[in-house]
Amino acid sequence: MAIPSTQTAIQLVGPDQLSLTTSKPVHRPGPTQILGKVECVGLCFSDMKLLHQFSGHARKSPVLAHLGEQVLKEIPSYVPNDQPTVPGHEVVIRVLEKGAQVKSVETGKRYLVQADWRDLKTAGSNGAFGYNFEGGLQQYVLLDERTTLAKDGTSYLVPAPDARSASQIALVEPWACIEEAFIHLERTDLTKGGTTLLVTSPNAGKPDLAGLDLSRPAKLLCLEPCSGAPQGFTCVTLDSLKPGSIDDILFLGADAELAERVLPLLATNGLAVIAQGGKRFGRPVQTPVGRVHYGNVRLIGTASVSFSAALASIPRSGEVKAGQKVAVVGAAGPMGSMAVIRLVSTGLKGLSVEGSDFALDRLSVLKAKAEPVAQARGVALRLYNPKADKASGSADYHMIMVPVPALVAAAVAQSNPGAVINIFAGIAADVKGAIDLDVYCDKALYFIGTSGSTMDDMMVVLGKVLNDSLDTNISVGAVSGMGGAIEGLNAVRDNKVSGKILVYPDLGDFPLTDLGDLVKQFPSIGAKLINGCWTKAAEDELLKVAVKKSA
């Protein structure tokens, strides 16, 4: 096909500043580069965080590892800091051209993009497609194999079959984020080679370190005053420690003010273990709930003095179990709907799912999609509006799909002993929440949260799609061409659409249209839906009839 010199694209040029351009250059590939035609892009709430923060977003900052500055300068689509970028990271492309040195893809083949390029470390995260590298809200995208190949040779461009709809493949990425939220493996011991800090509250007594493998950390510190510090620990002052410098905190007692000063010391992937020893905090403690999602920070506690007992209560993963009652808060949003459908799809014996959301129209759409799956798999499902009804009781597992710390605090109060509280929603990393750590420790609760997905997650979800055990198309709520993409991003921001919004660049100026209105405009598309859900046949019909109308 003829490749134009310019194209239509959505560009983010500053905080909350989106621009539709029809003259963005189409860069032809150099020796290590790949030119792909964008077939489909899913819009994501994570795009909102980039939109608001722009150069302040951790994934928009410069790459500091794996590739040198000179190599990065050779990649036109590398746009760190305040350079305009193209958002969109849920993407399927078809390779049109490639450089002579490119070995990982074939011209003419279709690929799903894994957006999180984990070898390309930034100051606070990783390099990513749709962030500091231009993403998919454009007709053509330039990639470089030096960024799309991991250190171990794994390609972040995953081959995708033509027999499936572009939408079904593009939506593997957000569904993989849901998968990661459940299957992420949790650490249950001290960090090997890390730094462990022992903190003893006033009048808390002597720490019980029995059962801890103190040979794992490279450095053992004890916060002053530390009279009678255990052997092997070095006493330090609080002022000498920098935020983010401690891998594991062993906190004995229940001094709320001291806890609020100490918890910010946790590094990314850090773990705080609280042994109250019969003491009480007596008030809510400002706790870094935002870093549970973005920094993989964890917190576990016990009312006893035994740190090892607290560690032993950490679940192996975030997966739900048979017989549990799961509460999904914000169930009818795009990601909440996917979480509900994933839960009812498990078919676990005795599992019950309660989903709450204020939007009645979105709840109705979710019910139509999730209820048939729940009935077929034998999982009890209840959906309700908190303004008109209440939860049926406490839960064994909470999925928090709305980025509000108060909802996390409420989940603590409404949890059964041993419950997991999965903070899926991206509460900003610097935001704290007033958490009742007395109840948290008494019940041995556990915060878990994940950001993004891994290649393994994507392959799991892609496998489910290809063996027909999961249809990612069930989450489609609206479609548009490039001309409706900005309206689509605003709809994501304002929660106006129940389900995912898909942008098809081939649709040109076609406006944002939900599925209900789409089938009214084009009855031939409605005939291709199955139980009101999107299909490959519907996508093919859309690209036939809507492109004609747009032209």
Protein backbone atom coordinates (compact mmCIF):
# COMPACT_ATOMS: atom_id res chain seq x y z
CA MET A 1 0.00 0.00 0.00
CA ALA A 2 1.11 3.58 -0.60
CA ILE A 3 2.48 5.18 2.55
CA PRO A 4 1.76 8.92 2.87
CA SER A 5 4.28 11.49 4.06
CA THR A 6 1.88 12.89 6.69
CA GLN A 7 -0.91 11.50 8.82
CA THR A 8 -3.68 12.24 11.30
CA ALA A 9 -2.71 11.92 14.95
CA ILE A 10 -3.73 12.91 18.46
CA GLN A 11 -0.90 14.71 20.23
CA LEU A 12 -0.56 15.62 23.87
CA VAL A 13 1.36 18.89 23.86
CA GLY A 14 1.08 19.90 27.52
CA PRO A 15 -0.92 19.19 30.68
CA ASP A 16 -4.58 18.73 29.64
CA GLN A 17 -3.72 19.94 26.11
CA LEU A 18 -4.76 17.53 23.36
CA SER A 19 -4.48 18.41 19.70
CA LEU A 20 -5.78 16.70 16.55
CA THR A 21 -3.33 17.18 13.72
CA THR A 22 -3.59 16.08 10.11
CA SER A 23 0.03 16.85 9.25
CA LYS A 24 2.15 14.75 11.56
CA PRO A 25 5.11 13.29 9.62
CA VAL A 26 5.18 9.58 8.87
CA HIS A 27 8.75 8.53 9.61
CA ARG A 28 10.13 5.78 7.40
CA PRO A 29 12.13 3.13 9.24
CA GLY A 30 15.89 3.16 9.63
CA PRO A 31 17.99 -0.04 9.82
CA THR A 32 16.68 -1.07 13.28
CA GLN A 33 13.19 0.35 12.96
CA ILE A 34 9.64 -0.81 12.20
CA LEU A 35 6.78 1.09 10.58
CA GLY A 36 3.38 -0.19 11.63
CA LYS A 37 -0.11 0.73 10.50
CA VAL A 38 -2.37 1.14 13.54
CA GLU A 39 -5.49 -1.02 13.24
CA CYS A 40 -7.14 -0.38 16.59
CA VAL A 41 -6.50 1.50 19.86
CA GLY A 42 -8.29 1.06 23.17
CA LEU A 43 -8.64 4.14 25.38
CA CYS A 44 -7.64 3.72 29.00
CA PHE A 45 -8.05 5.66 32.24
CA SER A 46 -4.25 5.56 32.53
CA ASP A 47 -4.23 7.91 29.55
CA MET A 48 -5.92 10.44 31.87
CA LYS A 49 -3.00 10.35 34.28
CA LEU A 50 -0.58 11.12 31.47
CA LEU A 51 -2.94 13.80 30.18
CA HIS A 52 -3.02 15.61 33.53
CA GLN A 53 0.60 15.11 34.59
CA PHE A 54 2.30 15.24 31.16
CA SER A 55 6.05 15.72 31.78
CA GLY A 56 5.49 15.04 35.49
CA HIS A 57 4.37 11.46 34.79
CA ALA A 58 6.95 8.85 35.81
CA ARG A 59 6.71 7.16 32.40
CA LYS A 60 7.26 10.44 30.50
CA SER A 61 10.69 11.06 32.00
CA PRO A 62 13.95 10.16 30.20
CA VAL A 63 15.24 6.61 29.84
CA LEU A 64 18.23 6.08 32.11
CA ALA A 65 19.16 2.44 31.47
CA HIS A 66 19.57 -0.19 28.73
CA LEU A 67 19.94 2.26 25.84
CA GLY A 68 22.39 5.15 25.69
CA GLU A 69 21.58 8.74 24.91
CA GLN A 70 23.00 8.53 21.37
CA VAL A 71 20.85 5.51 20.50
CA LEU A 72 17.75 7.23 21.87
CA LYS A 73 18.45 10.28 19.71
CA GLU A 74 18.21 8.02 16.66
CA ILE A 75 14.57 7.18 17.48
CA PRO A 76 12.17 9.95 16.28
CA SER A 77 9.32 8.49 18.35
CA TYR A 78 11.28 8.90 21.62
CA VAL A 79 9.72 12.00 23.20
CA PRO A 80 10.63 12.38 26.90
CA ASN A 81 9.95 15.28 29.24
CA ASP A 82 7.92 18.14 27.70
CA GLN A 83 8.12 16.98 24.07
CA PRO A 84 4.68 16.34 22.52
CA THR A 85 3.70 12.69 22.57
CA VAL A 86 1.00 10.49 21.07
CA PRO A 87 -1.00 8.63 23.75
CA GLY A 88 -2.61 5.23 23.33
CA HIS A 89 -1.04 2.01 24.57
CA GLU A 90 -3.71 -0.66 23.92
CA VAL A 91 -2.73 -1.18 20.31
CA VAL A 92 -2.69 -3.64 17.41
CA ILE A 93 -0.46 -2.82 14.44
CA ARG A 94 0.32 -4.37 11.07
CA VAL A 95 3.97 -4.13 10.00
CA LEU A 96 4.33 -2.29 6.68
CA GLU A 97 8.08 -1.80 6.49
CA LYS A 98 11.13 -2.77 8.52
CA GLY A 99 14.83 -2.01 8.49
CA ALA A 100 17.42 -4.47 7.23
CA GLN A 101 18.60 -5.34 10.76
CA VAL A 102 15.12 -6.11 12.16
CA LYS A 103 14.62 -9.82 12.85
CA SER A 104 11.78 -9.99 15.40
CA VAL A 105 8.81 -9.16 13.12
CA GLU A 106 7.67 -9.91 9.58
CA THR A 107 6.32 -7.44 7.06
CA GLY A 108 2.57 -7.86 6.53
CA LYS A 109 2.00 -9.54 9.90
CA ARG A 110 -0.18 -8.25 12.73
CA TYR A 111 1.18 -7.64 16.26
CA LEU A 112 -0.14 -6.78 19.70
CA VAL A 113 2.02 -4.20 21.51
CA GLN A 114 3.11 -4.82 25.10
CA ALA A 115 3.45 -1.20 26.22
CA ASP A 116 5.57 -1.58 29.38
CA TRP A 117 9.21 -1.70 28.28
CA ARG A 118 10.71 -2.75 31.59
CA ASP A 119 14.39 -2.70 30.67
CA LEU A 120 14.18 1.01 29.82
CA LYS A 121 14.23 2.34 33.36
CA THR A 122 13.26 5.94 34.10
CA ALA A 123 13.79 7.74 37.40
CA GLY A 124 10.49 6.45 38.80
CA SER A 125 9.21 3.78 36.43
CA ASN A 126 9.84 2.26 33.00
CA GLY A 127 9.85 3.56 29.49
CA ALA A 128 6.53 2.89 27.80
CA PHE A 129 4.75 2.95 24.45
CA GLY A 130 2.23 5.79 24.53
CA TYR A 131 4.23 7.77 27.11
CA ASN A 132 7.89 8.70 26.52
CA PHE A 133 7.64 6.77 23.25
CA GLU A 134 4.81 7.75 20.91
CA GLY A 135 1.78 5.49 21.08
CA GLY A 136 -1.06 4.37 18.89
CA LEU A 137 -3.47 7.31 18.46
CA GLN A 138 -2.12 7.92 14.98
CA GLN A 139 -2.42 6.18 11.65
CA TYR A 140 1.17 4.98 11.51
CA VAL A 141 3.64 4.36 14.29
CA LEU A 142 7.43 4.07 14.20
CA LEU A 143 9.01 1.56 16.57
CA ASP A 144 12.64 0.61 17.11
CA GLU A 145 13.65 -3.00 17.71
CA ARG A 146 16.21 -1.84 20.27
CA THR A 147 13.25 -0.82 22.46
CA THR A 148 10.86 -3.64 21.58
CA LEU A 149 13.30 -6.44 22.42
CA ALA A 150 13.91 -7.16 26.11
CA LYS A 151 17.35 -8.06 27.41
CA ASP A 152 16.45 -11.75 27.32
CA GLY A 153 15.43 -11.52 23.66
CA THR A 154 11.67 -11.48 24.30
CA SER A 155 9.83 -9.25 21.85
CA TYR A 156 7.26 -6.78 23.13
CA LEU A 157 5.49 -7.18 19.79
CA VAL A 158 3.35 -10.29 20.12
CA PRO A 159 2.19 -12.06 16.93
CA ALA A 160 -1.61 -11.91 16.57
CA PRO A 161 -3.77 -13.95 14.19
CA ASP A 162 -5.79 -12.33 11.43
CA ALA A 163 -8.75 -14.59 12.25
CA ARG A 164 -9.57 -12.47 15.33
CA SER A 165 -10.90 -8.93 15.38
CA ALA A 166 -8.44 -6.11 15.95
CA SER A 167 -10.56 -5.11 18.94
CA GLN A 168 -10.31 -8.52 20.57
CA ILE A 169 -6.52 -8.46 20.25
CA ALA A 170 -6.07 -4.81 21.33
CA LEU A 171 -8.10 -5.47 24.47
CA VAL A 172 -5.73 -8.21 25.56
CA GLU A 173 -3.57 -5.44 27.08
CA PRO A 174 -6.14 -4.04 29.56
CA TRP A 175 -7.43 -7.53 30.30
CA ALA A 176 -3.81 -8.52 31.05
CA CYS A 177 -3.70 -5.71 33.63
CA ILE A 178 -6.76 -7.27 35.27
CA GLU A 179 -5.09 -10.68 35.13
CA GLU A 180 -1.93 -9.32 36.75
CA ALA A 181 -4.00 -7.84 39.58
CA PHE A 182 -5.09 -11.33 40.56
CA ILE A 183 -2.10 -13.57 39.76
CA HIS A 184 0.75 -11.30 40.92
CA LEU A 185 2.97 -13.31 43.27
CA GLU A 186 3.57 -11.71 46.66
CA ARG A 187 6.83 -11.59 48.61
CA THR A 188 6.63 -13.33 51.98
CA ASP A 189 10.11 -12.75 53.39
CA LEU A 190 12.74 -10.04 53.79
CA THR A 191 14.37 -8.66 50.66
CA LYS A 192 17.49 -10.56 49.64
CA GLY A 193 20.38 -8.10 49.51
CA GLY A 194 18.14 -5.28 50.74
CA THR A 195 18.03 -2.94 53.73
CA THR A 196 15.88 -3.80 56.75
CA LEU A 197 15.00 -1.21 59.39
CA LEU A 198 13.81 -2.20 62.88
CA VAL A 199 11.64 0.44 64.56
CA THR A 200 10.56 0.07 68.17
CA SER A 201 7.81 2.34 69.48
CA PRO A 202 8.18 3.78 73.01
CA ASN A 203 7.19 1.27 75.70
CA ALA A 204 6.68 -1.47 73.10
CA GLY A 205 9.07 -3.91 74.73
CA LYS A 206 11.60 -6.20 73.09
CA PRO A 207 11.15 -7.21 69.43
CA ASP A 208 10.52 -10.86 68.65
CA LEU A 209 12.70 -11.67 65.66
CA ALA A 210 12.28 -15.44 65.90
CA GLY A 211 11.58 -17.09 62.57
CA LEU A 212 13.01 -14.23 60.47
CA ASP A 213 15.81 -14.99 58.04
CA LEU A 214 18.09 -12.12 58.94
CA SER A 215 20.77 -13.44 56.58
CA ARG A 216 18.78 -12.25 53.55
CA PRO A 217 19.18 -8.45 53.98
CA ALA A 218 22.57 -6.95 53.16
CA LYS A 219 22.07 -4.23 55.77
CA LEU A 220 20.30 -4.37 59.15
CA LEU A 221 19.47 -1.01 60.74
CA CYS A 222 17.81 -0.12 64.02
CA LEU A 223 16.15 3.24 64.57
CA GLU A 224 17.31 5.22 67.60
CA PRO A 225 16.60 5.15 70.47
CA CYS A 226 17.59 1.50 70.28
CA SER A 227 18.97 0.46 73.64
CA GLY A 228 19.50 -3.26 73.59
CA ALA A 229 19.52 -3.40 69.80
CA PRO A 230 19.76 -6.94 68.49
CA GLN A 231 23.15 -8.23 67.43
CA GLY A 232 24.06 -7.34 63.87
CA PHE A 233 21.89 -4.20 63.74
CA THR A 234 23.42 -0.73 63.30
CA CYS A 235 21.69 2.14 65.09
CA VAL A 236 20.71 5.13 62.93
CA THR A 237 18.68 8.30 63.35
CA LEU A 238 15.47 8.96 61.48
CA ASP A 239 16.89 12.17 60.00
CA SER A 240 19.75 10.22 58.43
CA LEU A 241 17.39 8.11 56.31
CA LYS A 242 16.02 9.20 52.95
CA PRO A 243 12.48 8.51 51.71
CA GLY A 244 12.43 5.40 49.56
CA SER A 245 15.68 4.02 51.01
CA ILE A 246 14.37 1.06 53.06
CA ASP A 247 13.25 -2.25 51.57
CA ASP A 248 11.66 -3.68 54.71
CA ILE A 249 10.43 -2.05 57.90
CA LEU A 250 9.86 -4.09 61.05
CA PHE A 251 7.66 -1.86 63.21
CA LEU A 252 7.03 -2.92 66.82
CA GLY A 253 4.26 -1.22 68.76
CA ALA A 254 1.58 1.28 67.77
CA ASP A 255 2.86 4.86 67.80
CA ALA A 256 0.78 6.57 65.07
CA GLU A 257 3.01 9.61 64.67
CA LEU A 258 6.14 7.48 64.44
CA ALA A 259 4.49 5.21 61.87
CA GLU A 260 3.56 8.22 59.71
CA ARG A 261 7.19 9.37 59.77
CA VAL A 262 8.61 5.95 59.03
CA LEU A 263 6.33 4.56 56.28
CA PRO A 264 7.56 7.06 53.62
CA LEU A 265 10.99 5.43 53.96
CA LEU A 266 9.75 2.37 52.08
CA ALA A 267 11.37 1.81 48.71
CA THR A 268 9.58 0.60 45.61
CA ASN A 269 8.58 -3.04 46.28
CA GLY A 270 9.03 -2.34 49.99
CA LEU A 271 7.24 -4.15 52.80
CA ALA A 272 6.21 -2.85 56.22
CA VAL A 273 5.57 -5.49 58.89
CA ILE A 274 3.74 -4.23 61.98
CA ALA A 275 3.71 -6.21 65.21
CA GLN A 276 1.53 -4.26 67.65
CA GLY A 277 2.33 -6.39 70.67
CA GLY A 278 -1.00 -5.59 72.31
CA LYS A 279 -0.63 -1.82 71.80
CA ARG A 280 -3.16 0.35 69.92
CA PHE A 281 -2.63 3.22 67.50
CA GLY A 282 -5.80 4.81 68.79
CA ARG A 283 -6.47 6.82 65.62
CA PRO A 284 -6.33 6.37 61.84
CA VAL A 285 -2.79 6.46 60.47
CA GLN A 286 -1.85 8.30 57.27
CA THR A 287 -0.77 5.37 55.11
CA PRO A 288 0.78 5.45 51.59
CA VAL A 289 -2.14 3.78 49.82
CA GLY A 290 -1.19 5.32 46.46
CA ARG A 291 2.14 3.54 46.48
CA VAL A 292 0.45 0.16 46.85
CA HIS A 293 -0.60 0.42 43.20
CA TYR A 294 2.26 2.44 41.73
CA GLY A 295 5.18 1.40 43.93
CA ASN A 296 4.21 -2.19 44.74
CA VAL A 297 4.49 -1.25 48.43
CA ARG A 298 2.98 -3.74 50.87
CA LEU A 299 1.79 -3.63 54.49
CA ILE A 300 1.02 -6.54 56.81
CA GLY A 301 0.32 -6.54 60.52
CA THR A 302 -0.46 -8.60 63.59
CA ALA A 303 -1.80 -7.77 67.03
CA SER A 304 0.95 -10.00 68.49
CA VAL A 305 4.70 -9.32 68.85
CA SER A 306 5.68 -11.86 66.17
CA PHE A 307 6.91 -10.43 62.88
CA SER A 308 7.16 -13.92 61.42
CA ALA A 309 3.49 -14.53 62.26
CA ALA A 310 2.56 -11.43 60.27
CA LEU A 311 4.67 -12.52 57.31
CA ALA A 312 3.06 -15.96 57.39
CA SER A 313 -0.37 -14.37 56.82
CA ILE A 314 0.62 -12.81 53.46
CA PRO A 315 -1.30 -14.53 50.64
CA ARG A 316 0.79 -16.19 47.94
CA SER A 317 -0.96 -14.13 45.25
CA GLY A 318 -3.94 -11.85 44.73
CA GLU A 319 -6.09 -14.65 43.33
CA VAL A 320 -9.58 -15.21 44.71
CA LYS A 321 -10.53 -18.54 46.25
CA ALA A 322 -13.53 -20.83 46.19
CA GLY A 323 -16.21 -19.90 48.70
CA GLN A 324 -15.13 -16.26 49.03
CA LYS A 325 -17.36 -13.24 48.84
CA VAL A 326 -15.85 -10.55 46.61
CA ALA A 327 -16.91 -6.90 46.61
CA VAL A 328 -16.06 -4.82 43.52
CA VAL A 329 -16.30 -1.07 44.17
CA GLY A 330 -16.79 0.89 40.96
CA ALA A 331 -17.90 -2.26 39.17
CA ALA A 332 -19.53 -0.72 36.09
CA GLY A 333 -16.59 1.28 34.76
CA PRO A 334 -14.48 -0.19 31.94
CA MET A 335 -11.91 -1.89 34.18
CA GLY A 336 -14.46 -2.67 36.91
CA SER A 337 -16.63 -4.44 34.34
CA MET A 338 -13.66 -6.50 33.22
CA ALA A 339 -12.88 -7.43 36.83
CA VAL A 340 -16.47 -8.56 37.41
CA ILE A 341 -16.52 -10.62 34.22
CA ARG A 342 -13.14 -12.15 35.05
CA LEU A 343 -14.38 -13.08 38.53
CA VAL A 344 -17.61 -14.72 37.39
CA SER A 345 -15.73 -16.48 34.58
CA THR A 346 -13.63 -18.42 37.12
CA GLY A 347 -16.54 -20.69 38.01
CA LEU A 348 -15.08 -21.20 41.49
CA LYS A 349 -17.36 -23.20 43.74
CA GLY A 350 -19.25 -21.07 46.24
CA LEU A 351 -17.82 -17.80 44.90
CA SER A 352 -20.13 -14.79 45.16
CA VAL A 353 -19.54 -11.37 43.62
CA GLU A 354 -21.14 -8.06 44.61
CA GLY A 355 -20.53 -5.10 42.36
CA SER A 356 -21.46 -1.54 43.28
CA ASP A 357 -21.61 1.57 41.12
CA PHE A 358 -23.57 4.85 41.15
CA ALA A 359 -24.22 4.82 37.38
CA LEU A 360 -27.51 2.98 36.79
CA ASP A 361 -27.12 2.92 33.01
CA ARG A 362 -23.67 1.39 33.26
CA LEU A 363 -24.86 -1.14 35.84
CA SER A 364 -27.59 -2.17 33.41
CA VAL A 365 -25.05 -2.73 30.64
CA LEU A 366 -22.78 -4.71 32.98
CA LYS A 367 -25.69 -6.86 34.12
CA ALA A 368 -26.56 -7.74 30.54
CA LYS A 369 -22.97 -8.82 29.86
CA ALA A 370 -21.95 -10.44 33.15
CA GLU A 371 -25.13 -12.15 34.30
CA PRO A 372 -25.23 -14.78 31.51
CA VAL A 373 -21.59 -15.66 32.22
CA ALA A 374 -22.22 -15.87 35.98
CA GLN A 375 -25.23 -18.14 35.47
CA ALA A 376 -23.34 -20.38 33.06
CA ARG A 377 -20.40 -20.71 35.47
CA GLY A 378 -22.48 -21.07 38.65
CA VAL A 379 -21.21 -17.92 40.37
CA ALA A 380 -23.61 -15.76 42.40
CA LEU A 381 -23.67 -12.17 41.12
CA ARG A 382 -25.36 -9.12 42.65
CA LEU A 383 -25.07 -5.61 41.22
CA TYR A 384 -26.41 -2.59 43.09
CA ASN A 385 -26.38 1.20 43.43
CA PRO A 386 -25.04 2.31 46.87
CA LYS A 387 -27.45 5.28 46.84
CA ALA A 388 -30.42 2.93 46.89
CA ASP A 389 -29.06 -0.21 48.51
CA LYS A 390 -26.28 -1.55 50.72
CA ALA A 391 -23.72 -4.34 50.65
CA SER A 392 -25.11 -7.58 52.03
CA GLY A 393 -22.33 -7.77 54.62
CA SER A 394 -18.55 -7.82 54.98
CA ALA A 395 -16.36 -9.37 52.29
CA ASP A 396 -13.38 -11.69 52.02
CA TYR A 397 -11.95 -9.75 49.09
CA HIS A 398 -12.34 -6.16 47.90
CA MET A 399 -11.52 -4.81 44.44
CA ILE A 400 -11.22 -1.02 44.63
CA MET A 401 -11.73 0.30 41.08
CA VAL A 402 -12.18 3.98 42.03
CA PRO A 403 -9.10 6.07 43.03
CA VAL A 404 -10.49 7.35 46.34
CA PRO A 405 -8.55 6.63 49.58
CA ALA A 406 -11.75 6.83 51.65
CA LEU A 407 -13.03 3.75 49.81
CA VAL A 408 -9.91 1.86 50.86
CA ALA A 409 -10.51 2.88 54.47
CA ALA A 410 -14.14 1.77 54.19
CA ALA A 411 -13.03 -1.61 52.85
CA VAL A 412 -10.89 -2.12 55.96
CA ALA A 413 -13.97 -1.69 58.13
CA GLN A 414 -16.08 -3.94 55.89
CA SER A 415 -13.63 -6.85 55.59
CA ASN A 416 -13.67 -10.28 57.15
CA PRO A 417 -10.51 -11.49 58.93
CA GLY A 418 -7.74 -12.36 56.48
CA ALA A 419 -9.32 -10.38 53.65
CA VAL A 420 -7.39 -9.04 50.66
CA ILE A 421 -8.02 -5.42 49.63
CA ASN A 422 -6.92 -5.07 46.01
CA ILE A 423 -6.26 -1.39 45.28
CA PHE A 424 -6.50 -1.66 41.51
CA ALA A 425 -7.45 1.98 40.94
CA GLY A 426 -4.48 4.23 40.38
CA ILE A 427 -4.54 6.45 43.45
CA ALA A 428 -1.69 8.92 42.87
CA ALA A 429 1.58 7.67 44.30
CA ASP A 430 2.00 10.62 46.66
CA VAL A 431 -1.50 10.29 48.15
CA LYS A 432 -2.02 8.86 51.64
CA GLY A 433 -5.16 7.53 53.25
CA ALA A 434 -6.35 7.61 56.87
CA ILE A 435 -6.38 3.87 57.64
CA ASP A 436 -7.48 2.21 60.88
CA LEU A 437 -4.35 0.12 61.38
CA ASP A 438 -5.74 -1.29 64.64
CA VAL A 439 -8.50 -3.02 62.66
CA TYR A 440 -6.08 -3.78 59.81
CA CYS A 441 -3.73 -5.63 62.14
CA ASP A 442 -6.46 -7.27 64.25
CA LYS A 443 -7.99 -8.78 61.11
CA ALA A 444 -4.63 -9.53 59.43
CA LEU A 445 -5.78 -7.72 56.28
CA TYR A 446 -3.57 -7.25 53.24
CA PHE A 447 -3.36 -4.43 50.69
CA ILE A 448 -2.33 -5.52 47.23
CA GLY A 449 -2.07 -3.47 44.05
CA THR A 450 -0.42 -3.73 40.66
CA SER A 451 0.29 -1.39 37.77
CA GLY A 452 0.38 -2.56 34.17
CA SER A 453 1.02 -6.12 33.09
CA THR A 454 3.83 -8.48 32.18
CA MET A 455 4.46 -10.45 29.02
CA ASP A 456 3.37 -13.56 30.92
CA ASP A 457 0.02 -11.91 31.74
CA MET A 458 -0.52 -10.99 28.11
CA MET A 459 0.26 -14.49 26.92
CA VAL A 460 -2.16 -15.94 29.48
CA VAL A 461 -4.96 -13.66 28.31
CA LEU A 462 -4.13 -14.13 24.63
CA GLY A 463 -4.23 -17.87 25.21
CA LYS A 464 -7.68 -17.57 26.79
CA VAL A 465 -8.86 -15.54 23.81
CA LEU A 466 -7.54 -18.02 21.28
CA ASN A 467 -9.03 -21.04 23.05
CA ASP A 468 -12.35 -19.19 23.42
CA SER A 469 -12.41 -19.29 27.23
CA LEU A 470 -12.45 -15.46 27.30
CA ASP A 471 -13.89 -12.99 24.83
CA THR A 472 -12.28 -9.59 25.43
CA ASN A 473 -14.86 -8.06 23.06
CA ILE A 474 -17.45 -8.36 25.82
CA SER A 475 -16.04 -5.12 27.26
CA VAL A 476 -16.50 -2.96 24.12
CA GLY A 477 -18.81 -0.02 24.76
CA ALA A 478 -18.19 2.51 21.97
CA VAL A 479 -16.15 3.15 18.81
CA SER A 480 -14.77 6.12 16.92
CA GLY A 481 -12.39 7.23 14.23
CA MET A 482 -9.50 9.63 14.85
CA GLY A 483 -11.97 12.50 14.63
CA GLY A 484 -13.75 11.22 17.75
CA ALA A 485 -10.68 10.23 19.74
CA ILE A 486 -10.43 13.39 21.84
CA GLU A 487 -14.13 13.14 22.67
CA GLY A 488 -13.45 9.52 23.55
CA LEU A 489 -10.67 10.46 25.95
CA ASN A 490 -12.99 13.02 27.56
CA ALA A 491 -15.64 10.30 27.89
CA VAL A 492 -13.13 8.09 29.68
CA ARG A 493 -12.34 10.98 32.01
CA ASP A 494 -16.01 11.63 32.73
CA ASN A 495 -17.06 7.95 32.89
CA LYS A 496 -19.67 8.51 30.20
CA VAL A 497 -19.36 5.15 28.47
CA SER A 498 -19.98 1.74 29.98
CA GLY A 499 -17.18 -0.37 28.60
CA LYS A 500 -14.07 0.24 26.57
CA ILE A 501 -13.82 2.82 23.80
CA LEU A 502 -12.05 1.66 20.64
CA VAL A 503 -10.53 4.02 18.08
CA TYR A 504 -10.14 2.76 14.52
CA PRO A 505 -7.83 5.13 12.59
CA ASP A 506 -9.29 3.86 9.29
CA LEU A 507 -12.64 5.42 10.26
CA GLY A 508 -11.25 8.94 9.78
CA ASP A 509 -13.62 11.58 11.13
CA PHE A 510 -16.21 9.10 12.40
CA PRO A 511 -17.45 10.47 15.78
CA LEU A 512 -17.57 8.73 19.13
CA THR A 513 -20.60 6.44 19.03
CA ASP A 514 -21.76 3.97 21.65
CA LEU A 515 -22.94 0.55 20.53
CA GLY A 516 -26.61 1.38 21.06
CA ASP A 517 -26.50 4.38 18.76
CA LEU A 518 -24.23 2.56 16.34
CA VAL A 519 -26.74 -0.19 15.62
CA LYS A 520 -29.48 2.43 15.16
CA GLN A 521 -27.38 4.16 12.51
CA PHE A 522 -26.23 0.93 10.91
CA PRO A 523 -28.71 -1.93 11.41
CA SER A 524 -26.40 -4.20 9.45
CA ILE A 525 -23.86 -3.87 12.29
CA GLY A 526 -26.49 -4.70 14.90
CA ALA A 527 -27.21 -7.95 13.08
CA LYS A 528 -23.58 -8.95 13.60
CA LEU A 529 -23.60 -8.51 17.40
CA ILE A 530 -24.05 -11.53 19.67
CA ASN A 531 -26.22 -10.87 22.73
CA GLY A 532 -25.43 -7.19 22.24
CA CYS A 533 -21.67 -7.79 22.34
CA TRP A 534 -19.05 -6.78 19.80
CA THR A 535 -17.75 -9.36 17.32
CA LYS A 536 -15.30 -9.65 14.46
CA ALA A 537 -18.21 -9.66 12.03
CA ALA A 538 -19.47 -6.41 13.55
CA GLU A 539 -15.99 -4.89 13.27
CA ASP A 540 -15.71 -5.93 9.62
CA GLU A 541 -19.13 -4.43 8.90
CA LEU A 542 -18.21 -1.20 10.72
CA LEU A 543 -15.05 -0.79 8.68
CA LYS A 544 -17.07 -1.34 5.50
CA VAL A 545 -20.11 0.86 6.07
CA ALA A 546 -18.71 3.59 8.35
CA VAL A 547 -15.63 4.21 6.22
CA LYS A 548 -17.93 4.78 3.25
CA LYS A 549 -20.01 7.25 5.26
CA SER A 550 -16.91 9.05 6.57
CA ALA A 551 -15.54 9.32 3.03
